[in-house]
Amino acid sequence: EDIGRPKVESAAETMKALNPNVNVKT
């Protein structure tokens, strides 16, 4: 479903879903 999306946005979404405690900067 992420095809065509910026990789940093897709990665940040997955990381925050895994652990909402982390601060992700893209």
PDB file of all heavy atoms in Angstrom:
ATOM      1  N   GLU A   1       0.814  -1.216   0.000  1.00  0.00           N
ATOM      2  CA  GLU A   1       0.000   0.000   0.000  1.00  0.00           C
ATOM      3  C   GLU A   1       0.850   1.270   0.000  1.00  0.00           C
ATOM      4  O   GLU A   1       0.343   2.355  -0.291  1.00  0.00           O
ATOM      5  CB  GLU A   1      -0.934   0.009   1.204  1.00  0.00           C
ATOM      6  CG  GLU A   1      -2.022  -1.068   1.143  1.00  0.00           C
ATOM      7  CD  GLU A   1      -2.963  -0.990   2.326  1.00  0.00           C
ATOM      8  OE1 GLU A   1      -2.685  -0.192   3.261  1.00  0.00           O
ATOM      9  OE2 GLU A   1      -3.955  -1.722   2.326  1.00  0.00           O
ATOM     10  N   ASP A   2       2.147   1.141   0.339  1.00  0.00           N
ATOM     11  CA  ASP A   2       3.021   2.308   0.398  1.00  0.00           C
ATOM     12  C   ASP A   2       3.658   2.654  -0.942  1.00  0.00           C
ATOM     13  O   ASP A   2       4.366   3.664  -1.046  1.00  0.00           O
ATOM     14  CB  ASP A   2       4.139   2.077   1.424  1.00  0.00           C
ATOM     15  CG  ASP A   2       3.623   2.004   2.841  1.00  0.00           C
ATOM     16  OD1 ASP A   2       2.720   2.792   3.174  1.00  0.00           O
ATOM     17  OD2 ASP A   2       4.113   1.145   3.609  1.00  0.00           O
ATOM     18  N   ILE A   3       3.440   1.842  -1.958  1.00  0.00           N
ATOM     19  CA  ILE A   3       4.065   2.098  -3.256  1.00  0.00           C
ATOM     20  C   ILE A   3       3.712   3.509  -3.733  1.00  0.00           C
ATOM     21  O   ILE A   3       2.549   3.909  -3.737  1.00  0.00           O
ATOM     22  CB  ILE A   3       3.619   1.048  -4.293  1.00  0.00           C
ATOM     23  CG1 ILE A   3       4.216  -0.323  -3.936  1.00  0.00           C
ATOM     24  CG2 ILE A   3       4.051   1.449  -5.705  1.00  0.00           C
ATOM     25  CD1 ILE A   3       3.705  -1.454  -4.796  1.00  0.00           C
ATOM     26  N   GLY A   4       4.742   4.255  -4.097  1.00  0.00           N
ATOM     27  CA  GLY A   4       4.569   5.632  -4.549  1.00  0.00           C
ATOM     28  C   GLY A   4       4.736   6.667  -3.455  1.00  0.00           C
ATOM     29  O   GLY A   4       4.903   7.856  -3.743  1.00  0.00           O
ATOM     30  N   ARG A   5       4.700   6.245  -2.186  1.00  0.00           N
ATOM     31  CA  ARG A   5       4.867   7.179  -1.073  1.00  0.00           C
ATOM     32  C   ARG A   5       6.347   7.454  -0.819  1.00  0.00           C
ATOM     33  O   ARG A   5       7.198   6.593  -1.087  1.00  0.00           O
ATOM     34  CB  ARG A   5       4.273   6.606   0.212  1.00  0.00           C
ATOM     35  CG  ARG A   5       2.774   6.443   0.226  1.00  0.00           C
ATOM     36  CD  ARG A   5       2.331   5.900   1.576  1.00  0.00           C
ATOM     37  NE  ARG A   5       2.581   6.855   2.660  1.00  0.00           N
ATOM     38  CZ  ARG A   5       2.520   6.539   3.958  1.00  0.00           C
ATOM     39  NH1 ARG A   5       2.251   5.285   4.339  1.00  0.00           N
ATOM     40  NH2 ARG A   5       2.746   7.447   4.879  1.00  0.00           N
ATOM     41  N   PRO A   6       6.686   8.613  -0.274  1.00  0.00           N
ATOM     42  CA  PRO A   6       8.072   8.836   0.159  1.00  0.00           C
ATOM     43  C   PRO A   6       8.479   7.778   1.194  1.00  0.00           C
ATOM     44  O   PRO A   6       7.712   7.482   2.115  1.00  0.00           O
ATOM     45  CB  PRO A   6       8.021  10.229   0.785  1.00  0.00           C
ATOM     46  CG  PRO A   6       6.874  10.900   0.109  1.00  0.00           C
ATOM     47  CD  PRO A   6       5.855   9.821  -0.107  1.00  0.00           C
ATOM     48  N   LYS A   7       9.647   7.227   1.042  1.00  0.00           N
ATOM     49  CA  LYS A   7      10.084   6.174   1.954  1.00  0.00           C
ATOM     50  C   LYS A   7      10.150   6.655   3.400  1.00  0.00           C
ATOM     51  O   LYS A   7       9.851   5.894   4.326  1.00  0.00           O
ATOM     52  CB  LYS A   7      11.449   5.625   1.527  1.00  0.00           C
ATOM     53  CG  LYS A   7      11.404   4.747   0.285  1.00  0.00           C
ATOM     54  CD  LYS A   7      12.765   4.151  -0.009  1.00  0.00           C
ATOM     55  CE  LYS A   7      12.706   3.232  -1.224  1.00  0.00           C
ATOM     56  NZ  LYS A   7      14.040   2.652  -1.536  1.00  0.00           N
ATOM     57  N   VAL A   8      10.547   7.909   3.604  1.00  0.00           N
ATOM     58  CA  VAL A   8      10.671   8.386   4.981  1.00  0.00           C
ATOM     59  C   VAL A   8       9.309   8.456   5.663  1.00  0.00           C
ATOM     60  O   VAL A   8       9.189   8.209   6.867  1.00  0.00           O
ATOM     61  CB  VAL A   8      11.392   9.749   5.047  1.00  0.00           C
ATOM     62  CG1 VAL A   8      12.850   9.607   4.635  1.00  0.00           C
ATOM     63  CG2 VAL A   8      10.679  10.809   4.213  1.00  0.00           C
ATOM     64  N   GLU A   9       8.272   8.778   4.903  1.00  0.00           N
ATOM     65  CA  GLU A   9       6.928   8.827   5.478  1.00  0.00           C
ATOM     66  C   GLU A   9       6.438   7.431   5.830  1.00  0.00           C
ATOM     67  O   GLU A   9       5.871   7.205   6.908  1.00  0.00           O
ATOM     68  CB  GLU A   9       5.954   9.496   4.498  1.00  0.00           C
ATOM     69  CG  GLU A   9       6.182  10.976   4.307  1.00  0.00           C
ATOM     70  CD  GLU A   9       5.145  11.602   3.401  1.00  0.00           C
ATOM     71  OE1 GLU A   9       4.151  10.915   3.052  1.00  0.00           O
ATOM     72  OE2 GLU A   9       5.314  12.779   3.020  1.00  0.00           O
ATOM     73  N   SER A  10       6.635   6.492   4.921  1.00  0.00           N
ATOM     74  CA  SER A  10       6.229   5.108   5.177  1.00  0.00           C
ATOM     75  C   SER A  10       6.983   4.538   6.370  1.00  0.00           C
ATOM     76  O   SER A  10       6.395   3.900   7.248  1.00  0.00           O
ATOM     77  CB  SER A  10       6.502   4.257   3.933  1.00  0.00           C
ATOM     78  OG  SER A  10       6.327   2.882   4.196  1.00  0.00           O
ATOM     79  N   ALA A  11       8.299   4.786   6.415  1.00  0.00           N
ATOM     80  CA  ALA A  11       9.119   4.268   7.507  1.00  0.00           C
ATOM     81  C   ALA A  11       8.689   4.864   8.840  1.00  0.00           C
ATOM     82  O   ALA A  11       8.545   4.159   9.842  1.00  0.00           O
ATOM     83  CB  ALA A  11      10.595   4.567   7.241  1.00  0.00           C
ATOM     84  N   ALA A  12       8.479   6.175   8.872  1.00  0.00           N
ATOM     85  CA  ALA A  12       8.085   6.838  10.114  1.00  0.00           C
ATOM     86  C   ALA A  12       6.755   6.310  10.629  1.00  0.00           C
ATOM     87  O   ALA A  12       6.576   6.102  11.839  1.00  0.00           O
ATOM     88  CB  ALA A  12       8.003   8.344   9.892  1.00  0.00           C
ATOM     89  N   GLU A  13       5.824   6.068   9.733  1.00  0.00           N
ATOM     90  CA  GLU A  13       4.513   5.543  10.124  1.00  0.00           C
ATOM     91  C   GLU A  13       4.637   4.171  10.769  1.00  0.00           C
ATOM     92  O   GLU A  13       4.008   3.881  11.796  1.00  0.00           O
ATOM     93  CB  GLU A  13       3.612   5.478   8.903  1.00  0.00           C
ATOM     94  CG  GLU A  13       2.186   5.071   9.193  1.00  0.00           C
ATOM     95  CD  GLU A  13       1.329   5.113   7.940  1.00  0.00           C
ATOM     96  OE1 GLU A  13       0.932   6.219   7.536  1.00  0.00           O
ATOM     97  OE2 GLU A  13       1.079   4.036   7.355  1.00  0.00           O
ATOM     98  N   THR A  14       5.469   3.310  10.178  1.00  0.00           N
ATOM     99  CA  THR A  14       5.671   1.969  10.722  1.00  0.00           C
ATOM    100  C   THR A  14       6.356   2.031  12.080  1.00  0.00           C
ATOM    101  O   THR A  14       5.988   1.313  13.022  1.00  0.00           O
ATOM    102  CB  THR A  14       6.504   1.116   9.759  1.00  0.00           C
ATOM    103  OG1 THR A  14       5.846   1.065   8.486  1.00  0.00           O
ATOM    104  CG2 THR A  14       6.686  -0.305  10.279  1.00  0.00           C
ATOM    105  N   MET A  15       7.365   2.888  12.209  1.00  0.00           N
ATOM    106  CA  MET A  15       8.096   3.008  13.455  1.00  0.00           C
ATOM    107  C   MET A  15       7.209   3.523  14.580  1.00  0.00           C
ATOM    108  O   MET A  15       7.257   3.028  15.705  1.00  0.00           O
ATOM    109  CB  MET A  15       9.306   3.927  13.252  1.00  0.00           C
ATOM    110  CG  MET A  15      10.357   3.361  12.312  1.00  0.00           C
ATOM    111  SD  MET A  15      11.432   4.626  11.602  1.00  0.00           S
ATOM    112  CE  MET A  15      12.363   5.126  13.031  1.00  0.00           C
ATOM    113  N   LYS A  16       6.370   4.508  14.286  1.00  0.00           N
ATOM    114  CA  LYS A  16       5.480   5.061  15.310  1.00  0.00           C
ATOM    115  C   LYS A  16       4.395   4.067  15.696  1.00  0.00           C
ATOM    116  O   LYS A  16       3.961   4.025  16.856  1.00  0.00           O
ATOM    117  CB  LYS A  16       4.841   6.361  14.807  1.00  0.00           C
ATOM    118  CG  LYS A  16       5.811   7.521  14.674  1.00  0.00           C
ATOM    119  CD  LYS A  16       6.359   7.975  16.020  1.00  0.00           C
ATOM    120  CE  LYS A  16       5.311   8.691  16.843  1.00  0.00           C
ATOM    121  NZ  LYS A  16       5.876   9.225  18.114  1.00  0.00           N
ATOM    122  N   ALA A  17       3.961   3.241  14.715  1.00  0.00           N
ATOM    123  CA  ALA A  17       2.975   2.210  15.030  1.00  0.00           C
ATOM    124  C   ALA A  17       3.581   1.150  15.939  1.00  0.00           C
ATOM    125  O   ALA A  17       2.914   0.607  16.820  1.00  0.00           O
ATOM    126  CB  ALA A  17       2.449   1.575  13.747  1.00  0.00           C
ATOM    127  N   LEU A  18       4.862   0.866  15.722  1.00  0.00           N
ATOM    128  CA  LEU A  18       5.561  -0.120  16.536  1.00  0.00           C
ATOM    129  C   LEU A  18       5.812   0.402  17.943  1.00  0.00           C
ATOM    130  O   LEU A  18       5.649  -0.317  18.935  1.00  0.00           O
ATOM    131  CB  LEU A  18       6.886  -0.498  15.863  1.00  0.00           C
ATOM    132  CG  LEU A  18       7.796  -1.492  16.579  1.00  0.00           C
ATOM    133  CD1 LEU A  18       7.098  -2.843  16.728  1.00  0.00           C
ATOM    134  CD2 LEU A  18       9.101  -1.655  15.803  1.00  0.00           C
ATOM    135  N   ASN A  19       6.226   1.671  18.034  1.00  0.00           N
ATOM    136  CA  ASN A  19       6.540   2.251  19.349  1.00  0.00           C
ATOM    137  C   ASN A  19       6.217   3.742  19.345  1.00  0.00           C
ATOM    138  O   ASN A  19       7.021   4.570  18.892  1.00  0.00           O
ATOM    139  CB  ASN A  19       8.012   2.043  19.687  1.00  0.00           C
ATOM    140  CG  ASN A  19       8.330   2.426  21.118  1.00  0.00           C
ATOM    141  OD1 ASN A  19       7.512   3.033  21.814  1.00  0.00           O
ATOM    142  ND2 ASN A  19       9.523   2.082  21.571  1.00  0.00           N
ATOM    143  N   PRO A  20       5.048   4.120  19.837  1.00  0.00           N
ATOM    144  CA  PRO A  20       4.658   5.536  19.847  1.00  0.00           C
ATOM    145  C   PRO A  20       5.504   6.397  20.774  1.00  0.00           C
ATOM    146  O   PRO A  20       5.395   7.628  20.736  1.00  0.00           O
ATOM    147  CB  PRO A  20       3.198   5.496  20.313  1.00  0.00           C
ATOM    148  CG  PRO A  20       3.061   4.201  21.048  1.00  0.00           C
ATOM    149  CD  PRO A  20       3.988   3.239  20.373  1.00  0.00           C
ATOM    150  N   ASN A  21       6.359   5.792  21.593  1.00  0.00           N
ATOM    151  CA  ASN A  21       7.209   6.562  22.504  1.00  0.00           C
ATOM    152  C   ASN A  21       8.353   7.265  21.786  1.00  0.00           C
ATOM    153  O   ASN A  21       8.928   8.223  22.327  1.00  0.00           O
ATOM    154  CB  ASN A  21       7.798   5.653  23.587  1.00  0.00           C
ATOM    155  CG  ASN A  21       6.738   5.051  24.481  1.00  0.00           C
ATOM    156  OD1 ASN A  21       5.761   5.697  24.814  1.00  0.00           O
ATOM    157  ND2 ASN A  21       6.927   3.793  24.872  1.00  0.00           N
ATOM    158  N   VAL A  22       8.734   6.783  20.601  1.00  0.00           N
ATOM    159  CA  VAL A  22       9.901   7.342  19.926  1.00  0.00           C
ATOM    160  C   VAL A  22       9.519   8.578  19.122  1.00  0.00           C
ATOM    161  O   VAL A  22       8.405   8.694  18.599  1.00  0.00           O
ATOM    162  CB  VAL A  22      10.586   6.303  19.014  1.00  0.00           C
ATOM    163  CG1 VAL A  22      11.015   5.089  19.810  1.00  0.00           C
ATOM    164  CG2 VAL A  22       9.691   5.908  17.857  1.00  0.00           C
ATOM    165  N   ASN A  23      10.462   9.500  19.035  1.00  0.00           N
ATOM    166  CA  ASN A  23      10.315  10.697  18.209  1.00  0.00           C
ATOM    167  C   ASN A  23      11.023  10.440  16.885  1.00  0.00           C
ATOM    168  O   ASN A  23      12.231  10.193  16.867  1.00  0.00           O
ATOM    169  CB  ASN A  23      10.928  11.904  18.922  1.00  0.00           C
ATOM    170  CG  ASN A  23      10.935  13.147  18.057  1.00  0.00           C
ATOM    171  OD1 ASN A  23      10.027  13.368  17.263  1.00  0.00           O
ATOM    172  ND2 ASN A  23      11.969  13.957  18.208  1.00  0.00           N
ATOM    173  N   VAL A  24      10.285  10.456  15.785  1.00  0.00           N
ATOM    174  CA  VAL A  24      10.859  10.182  14.466  1.00  0.00           C
ATOM    175  C   VAL A  24      10.935  11.482  13.675  1.00  0.00           C
ATOM    176  O   VAL A  24       9.930  12.178  13.501  1.00  0.00           O
ATOM    177  CB  VAL A  24      10.033   9.142  13.688  1.00  0.00           C
ATOM    178  CG1 VAL A  24      10.694   8.858  12.335  1.00  0.00           C
ATOM    179  CG2 VAL A  24       9.901   7.846  14.484  1.00  0.00           C
ATOM    180  N   LYS A  25      12.136  11.813  13.217  1.00  0.00           N
ATOM    181  CA  LYS A  25      12.340  12.995  12.391  1.00  0.00           C
ATOM    182  C   LYS A  25      12.677  12.537  10.976  1.00  0.00           C
ATOM    183  O   LYS A  25      13.532  11.660  10.794  1.00  0.00           O
ATOM    184  CB  LYS A  25      13.467  13.865  12.959  1.00  0.00           C
ATOM    185  CG  LYS A  25      13.212  14.337  14.381  1.00  0.00           C
ATOM    186  CD  LYS A  25      14.326  15.239  14.885  1.00  0.00           C
ATOM    187  CE  LYS A  25      14.338  16.562  14.162  1.00  0.00           C
ATOM    188  NZ  LYS A  25      15.332  17.502  14.778  1.00  0.00           N
ATOM    189  N   THR A  26      12.021  13.100   9.989  1.00  0.00           N
ATOM    190  CA  THR A  26      12.224  12.667   8.605  1.00  0.00           C
ATOM    191  C   THR A  26      12.927  13.747   7.790  1.00  0.00           C
ATOM    192  O   THR A  26      12.708  14.947   7.994  1.00  0.00           O
ATOM    193  CB  THR A  26      10.883  12.311   7.940  1.00  0.00           C
ATOM    194  OG1 THR A  26      10.020  13.462   7.941  1.00  0.00           O
ATOM    195  CG2 THR A  26      10.201  11.166   8.673  1.00  0.00           C
TER     196      THR A  26
END
